Protein backbone atom coordinates (compact mmCIF):
# COMPACT_ATOMS: atom_id res chain seq x y z
CA ARG A 1 120.36 16.27 121.30
CA GLN A 2 120.17 20.02 120.41
CA GLN A 3 117.52 20.55 122.97
CA GLU A 4 119.52 18.86 125.62
CA ALA A 5 122.64 20.91 124.57
CA ARG A 6 120.53 24.07 124.98
CA GLU A 7 119.37 22.99 128.40
CA ALA A 8 122.97 22.19 129.28
CA ALA A 9 123.89 25.68 128.27
CA GLY A 10 121.19 27.21 130.33
CA ILE A 11 119.03 28.18 127.35
CA SER A 12 115.18 27.59 127.71
CA VAL A 13 113.11 27.62 124.52
CA GLY A 14 109.36 27.94 125.07
CA GLY A 15 106.58 27.25 122.82
CA GLY A 16 103.15 28.45 122.06
CA GLY A 17 101.79 32.02 121.55
CA ASN A 18 102.36 34.16 118.37
CA PRO A 19 105.67 33.11 116.82
CA PHE A 20 105.64 36.42 114.78
CA GLY A 21 104.80 38.73 117.64
CA VAL A 22 107.25 40.83 119.75
CA ASP A 23 107.00 42.30 123.16
CA ASN A 24 107.35 46.05 122.08
CA GLU A 25 106.61 47.80 118.94
CA PHE A 26 107.43 51.49 118.23
CA ARG A 27 106.17 53.56 115.29
CA SER A 28 107.25 57.07 114.30
CA GLY A 29 107.05 59.01 111.09
CA ILE A 30 106.84 62.33 109.28
CA SER A 31 104.77 63.37 106.31
CA LEU A 32 105.46 66.41 104.08
CA THR A 33 103.12 67.96 101.41
CA GLN A 34 104.03 70.64 99.17
CA THR A 35 101.17 72.23 96.96
CA LEU A 36 102.41 72.27 93.42
CA PHE A 37 99.31 73.82 91.90
CA ASN A 38 96.16 75.24 93.54
CA GLY A 39 94.34 77.86 91.60
CA SER A 40 92.35 79.12 94.53
CA ALA A 41 95.36 79.58 96.69
CA PHE A 42 97.19 81.40 94.01
CA SER A 43 94.30 83.71 93.40
CA ALA A 44 93.92 84.28 97.09
CA ILE A 45 97.52 85.39 97.43
CA GLN A 46 96.98 87.95 94.50
CA GLY A 47 93.74 89.05 96.17
CA ALA A 48 95.66 89.67 99.52
CA GLN A 49 97.99 91.96 97.72
CA GLN A 50 95.03 93.80 96.01
CA LEU A 51 93.40 94.16 99.31
CA LYS A 52 96.57 95.66 100.79
CA ASP A 53 96.71 98.15 97.97
CA VAL A 54 92.99 99.07 98.48
CA ASN A 55 93.54 99.58 102.19
CA GLN A 56 96.58 101.76 101.53
CA ARG A 57 94.62 104.06 99.22
CA ALA A 58 92.06 104.30 101.98
CA VAL A 59 94.83 105.35 104.35
CA ASP A 60 96.08 107.96 101.72
CA ARG A 61 92.49 109.34 101.39
CA GLN A 62 92.12 109.62 105.16
CA MET A 63 95.33 111.65 105.26
CA GLN A 64 94.02 113.99 102.59
CA THR A 65 90.63 114.35 104.36
CA LEU A 66 92.41 115.05 107.74
CA ASP A 67 94.59 117.69 105.92
CA ASN A 68 91.53 119.34 104.61
CA GLN A 69 89.82 119.25 107.83
CA VAL A 70 92.62 120.92 109.59
CA ARG A 71 92.76 123.69 106.98
CA GLN A 72 88.99 124.15 107.33
CA ALA A 73 89.11 124.25 111.05
CA TYR A 74 92.05 126.72 110.91
CA TYR A 75 90.36 129.22 108.52
CA ASP A 76 87.06 128.92 110.47
CA ALA A 77 89.00 129.88 113.67
CA LEU A 78 90.76 132.74 111.84
CA PHE A 79 87.51 134.00 110.47
CA ALA A 80 86.04 133.92 114.02
CA GLN A 81 89.01 135.97 115.27
CA GLU A 82 88.48 138.43 112.48
CA ARG A 83 84.85 138.82 113.35
CA VAL A 84 85.86 139.52 116.88
CA ARG A 85 88.23 142.37 115.62
CA VAL A 86 85.50 143.74 113.56
CA LEU A 87 83.10 143.87 116.54
CA GLU A 88 85.88 145.34 118.76
CA GLN A 89 86.31 148.15 116.31
CA ARG A 90 82.49 148.69 116.30
CA VAL A 91 82.44 148.73 120.07
CA GLN A 92 85.10 151.41 120.08
CA ARG A 93 83.20 153.44 117.41
CA THR A 94 80.01 153.11 119.41
CA LYS A 95 81.76 154.26 122.48
CA GLN A 96 83.04 157.23 120.74
CA THR A 97 79.60 157.96 119.31
CA LEU A 98 78.03 157.71 122.76
CA HIS A 99 80.58 160.15 124.12
CA GLU A 100 79.83 162.63 121.53
CA ALA A 101 76.10 162.14 121.91
CA SER A 102 76.40 162.74 125.69
CA LEU A 103 78.23 165.93 125.01
CA GLN A 104 75.55 167.10 122.60
CA VAL A 105 72.84 166.25 125.11
CA ARG A 106 74.56 168.15 127.85
CA GLN A 107 74.89 171.11 125.44
CA GLY A 108 71.18 170.84 124.65
CA VAL A 109 71.65 170.31 120.89
CA THR A 110 70.62 166.64 120.82
CA PRO A 111 67.58 164.97 122.50
CA LYS A 112 68.21 162.41 125.09
CA PHE A 113 66.58 159.56 123.33
CA GLN A 114 69.51 159.52 120.86
CA ARG A 115 71.95 158.96 123.71
CA LEU A 116 69.79 156.21 125.08
CA SER A 117 69.57 154.55 121.60
CA THR A 118 73.37 154.72 121.36
CA GLU A 119 73.66 153.09 124.82
CA VAL A 120 71.29 150.39 123.65
CA GLU A 121 73.26 149.84 120.60
CA LEU A 122 76.64 149.66 122.53
CA SER A 123 75.10 147.04 125.00
CA ASN A 124 73.95 144.94 122.01
CA THR A 125 77.30 145.28 120.27
CA GLU A 126 79.09 144.17 123.50
CA THR A 127 76.84 141.22 123.74
CA GLN A 128 77.61 140.20 120.14
CA LEU A 129 81.32 140.60 120.92
CA VAL A 130 81.01 138.32 123.95
CA GLN A 131 79.25 135.74 121.72
CA ALA A 132 81.87 136.09 119.15
CA GLU A 133 84.73 135.56 121.57
CA ASN A 134 82.90 132.34 122.71
CA THR A 135 82.79 131.26 119.01
CA VAL A 136 86.44 131.75 118.82
CA GLY A 137 87.12 129.55 121.81
CA ILE A 138 84.86 126.92 120.27
CA ALA A 139 86.58 127.20 116.88
CA LEU A 140 90.09 126.88 118.51
CA ASP A 141 89.02 123.78 120.41
CA ASN A 142 87.71 122.19 117.30
CA LEU A 143 91.03 123.06 115.62
CA LYS A 144 93.02 121.50 118.41
CA ASN A 145 90.88 118.44 118.55
CA THR A 146 91.23 118.03 114.69
CA MET A 147 94.95 118.33 114.95
CA GLY A 148 94.91 115.72 117.69
CA ILE A 149 96.43 118.00 120.45
CA SER A 150 95.03 118.60 123.96
CA VAL A 151 92.22 121.22 124.11
CA ASP A 152 93.86 122.58 127.21
CA ARG A 153 96.97 123.55 125.35
CA PRO A 154 97.04 127.24 124.40
CA ILE A 155 97.74 128.00 120.66
CA ARG A 156 97.99 131.29 118.66
CA LEU A 157 96.95 131.50 115.09
CA GLU A 158 99.39 133.01 112.64
CA GLY A 159 98.16 134.90 109.58
CA THR A 160 95.19 137.08 108.68
CA LEU A 161 92.35 136.92 106.27
CA ASP A 162 93.74 139.50 103.94
CA ALA A 163 93.79 138.69 100.25
CA ALA A 164 97.01 139.19 98.29
CA GLU A 165 97.20 140.96 95.04
CA THR A 166 94.24 139.47 93.11
CA SER A 167 95.97 139.60 89.80
CA MET A 168 98.41 136.89 91.07
CA TYR A 169 95.67 134.41 91.54
CA ARG A 170 96.10 131.39 89.37
CA GLU A 171 93.67 130.51 86.55
CA VAL A 172 92.72 126.93 86.81
CA SER A 173 91.49 125.07 83.66
CA MET A 174 88.24 123.18 84.36
CA GLN A 175 89.41 120.10 82.30
CA ARG A 176 92.91 120.17 83.67
CA ALA A 177 91.62 120.34 87.24
CA ILE A 178 89.36 117.34 86.68
CA GLU A 179 92.15 115.27 85.16
CA THR A 180 94.43 116.30 88.08
CA ALA A 181 91.68 115.29 90.68
CA LEU A 182 91.12 111.92 88.95
CA ASP A 183 94.84 111.30 88.83
CA ARG A 184 95.63 112.22 92.45
CA ARG A 185 92.53 111.23 94.33
CA PRO A 186 93.31 107.99 96.30
CA ASP A 187 89.56 107.10 96.56
CA ILE A 188 89.45 106.99 92.75
CA GLU A 189 92.35 104.56 92.66
CA GLN A 190 90.81 102.69 95.53
CA ALA A 191 87.61 102.27 93.57
CA ARG A 192 89.58 101.19 90.46
CA LEU A 193 91.51 98.60 92.70
CA ALA A 194 88.29 97.36 94.08
CA ILE A 195 87.32 96.17 90.49
CA GLU A 196 90.57 94.35 90.26
CA LEU A 197 89.98 92.80 93.64
CA ARG A 198 86.53 91.62 92.71
CA GLN A 199 88.03 90.11 89.45
CA VAL A 200 90.56 88.29 91.66
CA GLN A 201 87.80 86.98 93.79
CA GLU A 202 86.00 85.78 90.77
CA ASN A 203 89.09 83.90 89.56
CA THR A 204 89.50 82.39 92.99
CA VAL A 205 86.06 80.83 92.86
CA ARG A 206 86.54 79.77 89.21
CA ALA A 207 89.71 78.03 90.37
CA GLU A 208 87.55 75.51 92.09
CA TYR A 209 86.84 74.00 88.72
CA LEU A 210 90.61 73.01 88.50
CA PRO A 211 92.33 70.12 90.26
CA ARG A 212 94.81 70.44 92.91
CA LEU A 213 98.33 68.89 92.58
CA SER A 214 100.63 68.26 95.59
CA ALA A 215 103.81 66.50 96.11
CA VAL A 216 103.89 64.03 99.05
CA ALA A 217 106.97 62.62 100.98
CA ASN A 218 106.57 60.07 103.84
CA PHE A 219 109.26 58.80 106.20
CA ASN A 220 108.37 56.14 108.74
CA TYR A 221 110.60 54.36 111.29
CA THR A 222 109.35 51.24 112.96
CA GLY A 223 110.80 49.42 115.74
CA ARG A 224 110.00 45.78 117.00
CA VAL A 225 112.10 45.26 120.16
CA PRO A 226 111.60 42.19 122.36
CA ASP A 227 112.24 42.26 126.09
CA ASP A 228 114.62 39.31 125.63
CA ARG A 229 117.35 40.54 123.35
CA GLU A 230 119.67 37.53 123.82
CA LEU A 231 120.83 35.94 120.55
CA THR A 232 121.78 32.29 120.63
CA LEU A 233 124.47 31.37 118.19
CA SER A 234 125.69 27.85 117.14
CA ASP A 235 129.26 27.04 116.45
CA PRO A 236 129.54 26.21 112.60
CA ASN A 237 132.23 23.66 113.43
CA ASP A 238 130.27 21.87 116.17
CA PRO A 239 126.46 21.80 115.79
CA PHE A 240 125.97 20.90 119.38
CA ALA A 241 127.94 23.83 120.77
CA PHE A 242 126.03 27.03 121.34
CA SER A 243 126.76 30.59 122.75
CA THR A 244 124.63 33.69 123.54
CA GLN A 245 125.03 37.42 122.60
CA ASP A 246 123.21 40.46 124.17
CA ARG A 247 121.82 42.81 121.65
CA GLY A 248 121.28 46.52 122.31
CA PHE A 249 117.79 48.39 122.23
CA PHE A 250 118.67 50.13 119.06
CA GLU A 251 120.11 47.07 117.23
CA ASP A 252 119.62 47.54 113.50
CA SER A 253 117.76 44.24 113.25
CA PHE A 254 115.05 45.71 115.41
CA TRP A 255 114.42 49.00 113.50
CA ASN A 256 113.21 49.37 109.82
CA PRO A 257 113.09 52.78 108.14
CA ALA A 258 110.71 53.40 105.08
CA PHE A 259 110.70 56.39 102.75
CA SER A 260 108.25 57.12 99.92
CA VAL A 261 107.52 60.06 97.63
CA GLY A 262 104.73 60.71 95.16
CA LEU A 263 102.13 63.01 93.63
CA GLN A 264 98.58 63.50 94.87
CA LEU A 265 95.93 64.90 92.62
CA SER A 266 92.51 65.88 93.91
CA TRP A 267 89.58 67.10 91.84
CA ASN A 268 86.05 67.97 93.00
CA ILE A 269 84.05 66.91 89.97
CA PHE A 270 80.62 67.86 91.18
CA ASN A 271 79.39 69.91 94.07
CA GLY A 272 75.86 70.71 93.19
CA PHE A 273 76.49 73.74 91.04
CA GLN A 274 77.69 75.64 94.01
CA THR A 275 80.81 76.95 92.18
CA THR A 276 78.78 78.13 89.28
CA ALA A 277 76.45 80.09 91.48
CA ARG A 278 79.25 81.61 93.31
CA VAL A 279 80.96 82.60 90.10
CA GLU A 280 77.67 84.41 89.10
CA GLN A 281 77.68 86.24 92.31
CA GLN A 282 81.24 87.39 91.81
CA GLN A 283 80.39 88.53 88.30
CA VAL A 284 77.60 90.72 89.79
CA ALA A 285 80.07 92.13 92.37
CA VAL A 286 82.55 92.93 89.57
CA ARG A 287 79.85 94.83 87.71
CA ARG A 288 78.75 96.63 90.88
CA ALA A 289 82.37 97.72 91.45
CA GLU A 290 82.61 99.02 87.93
CA ILE A 291 79.45 101.08 88.40
CA GLU A 292 80.72 102.48 91.75
CA TYR A 293 84.02 103.37 89.98
CA GLU A 294 82.06 105.36 87.21
CA GLN A 295 79.93 107.08 89.79
CA ALA A 296 83.02 108.00 91.89
CA ARG A 297 84.69 109.57 88.73
CA ARG A 298 81.47 111.45 88.04
CA GLY A 299 81.34 112.57 91.65
CA VAL A 300 84.80 113.95 91.60
CA ALA A 301 84.15 115.82 88.36
CA LEU A 302 81.08 117.46 90.01
CA GLU A 303 83.16 118.32 93.08
CA VAL A 304 85.84 120.03 91.02
CA ARG A 305 83.35 122.00 88.90
CA ARG A 306 81.57 123.09 92.02
CA ALA A 307 84.87 124.02 93.77
CA LEU A 308 86.00 126.02 90.65
CA ARG A 309 82.66 127.81 90.49
CA ASN A 310 82.92 128.63 94.20
CA LEU A 311 86.57 129.72 93.69
CA GLN A 312 85.66 132.02 90.83
CA ASP A 313 82.64 133.43 92.96
CA ALA A 314 84.87 134.04 95.97
CA ARG A 315 87.52 135.75 93.81
CA GLN A 316 84.86 138.11 92.40
CA ARG A 317 83.45 138.75 95.83
CA ILE A 318 87.09 139.66 97.15
CA ASN A 319 87.39 142.20 94.33
CA ASN A 320 84.02 143.68 94.94
CA GLN A 321 84.19 143.75 98.79
CA ASP A 322 87.77 145.12 98.76
CA GLN A 323 86.39 148.21 96.99
CA ASN A 324 83.25 148.14 99.00
CA VAL A 325 85.12 148.26 102.30
CA GLN A 326 87.01 151.30 101.07
CA ARG A 327 83.65 153.01 100.16
CA ALA A 328 82.13 152.07 103.48
CA GLU A 329 85.09 153.45 105.29
CA THR A 330 84.94 156.70 103.41
CA ASN A 331 81.15 156.95 103.89
CA TYR A 332 81.52 156.40 107.70
CA GLN A 333 84.09 159.15 107.84
CA PHE A 334 81.79 161.58 105.94
CA VAL A 335 78.80 160.74 108.14
CA SER A 336 80.86 161.15 111.34
CA GLN A 337 82.00 164.67 110.21
CA ARG A 338 78.38 165.53 109.36
CA VAL A 339 77.22 164.42 112.65
CA GLN A 340 79.85 166.55 114.43
CA GLN A 341 78.82 169.54 112.30
CA GLY A 342 75.22 168.84 113.32
CA VAL A 343 73.88 168.22 109.68
CA SER A 344 73.37 164.66 110.28
CA ASN A 345 71.94 162.42 113.03
CA GLN A 346 72.93 159.33 115.01
CA LEU A 347 70.68 157.02 112.95
CA GLU A 348 72.56 157.73 109.77
CA LEU A 349 75.91 157.19 111.63
CA ARG A 350 74.73 153.86 112.92
CA GLU A 351 73.67 152.74 109.44
CA ALA A 352 77.11 153.84 108.08
CA SER A 353 78.71 151.89 110.97
CA ASP A 354 76.68 148.85 110.15
CA GLN A 355 77.55 149.03 106.61
CA LEU A 356 81.20 149.30 107.45
CA ASP A 357 81.13 146.31 109.63
CA GLN A 358 79.09 144.24 107.15
CA SER A 359 81.48 145.18 104.35
CA ARG A 360 84.49 144.05 106.44
CA LEU A 361 82.92 140.85 107.35
CA ASN A 362 81.77 140.09 103.74
CA TYR A 363 85.35 140.77 102.66
CA ARG A 364 86.78 138.29 105.31
CA GLN A 365 84.10 135.81 104.47
CA ALA A 366 85.18 136.00 100.78
CA VAL A 367 88.84 135.53 101.60
CA HIS A 368 87.84 132.62 103.92
CA ASP A 369 85.82 131.02 101.15
CA TYR A 370 88.63 131.50 98.60
């Protein structure tokens, strides 16, 4: 009778097939995992910070090196210009000597070979002057290149290689200088940080012995939606009376959410002693970094000792050459007067001129080195 009533109501009920199957099934979900403890990851984060500090010290050291290179290039160019000035003065003196020798030859008091010898000396000096000027151009180009500016850009150097009052020079303690260098040299700090970085890397490898703990959350949403979503309802008062109802696609009865949370623990119990071998390798790397750090400290101490010895040597040479330049200038004036009076020859004058030039160059070189 129920079947007849359904047919009378236009409701067909088929049989066969899977009674638990549906026409359409939809699955969606999201899974969240948050690491609570991972020794390797935590050590890697620390190692990244250490590596950043190491690279920053390398940048600082490059800045110091560039500063020193610019200073060196500047003083090299300044010394090259001073050498040109010395040679220019020599050319002027040689021209004056040639003029006087020519007068004496015309007067018959000096043989012609002295004039010819002076002409040869003048030509050689002018050649040296041309070479010195070329050296100045090269030195200036090197300075501009070191400073990072175009080599076509003209520049003019300020300052001269003249030492100030030598009594004002600072006395530097050897021990104090070494301590200051060890404290301010970024490469020393970089070597020390390299030890810590190696230790962090060792801890990162050791962390592989430890388990990993993570929190896991899963949310799934499953839909089982039939194509025919009509619902047949019976009248509770009349078992032979039926009605139908259309259900929507997102009807709650078709969709089922599910949510779960938990903890996940993973532990690599045995990996063929690979972790042990890597730990030993990192221990060797730590020891190597410690040795390099000690070598760097000893190297800085040697550099400071050598620099202070060179500083003291340059200071003494400045004092000696300053007085020597004065003596050479006085000697040249005396010889020039003797040549004019005819009691000395051109050879002695050239020797005095060479001594004067050499004294001036030695003085400039001492100031440059200081």
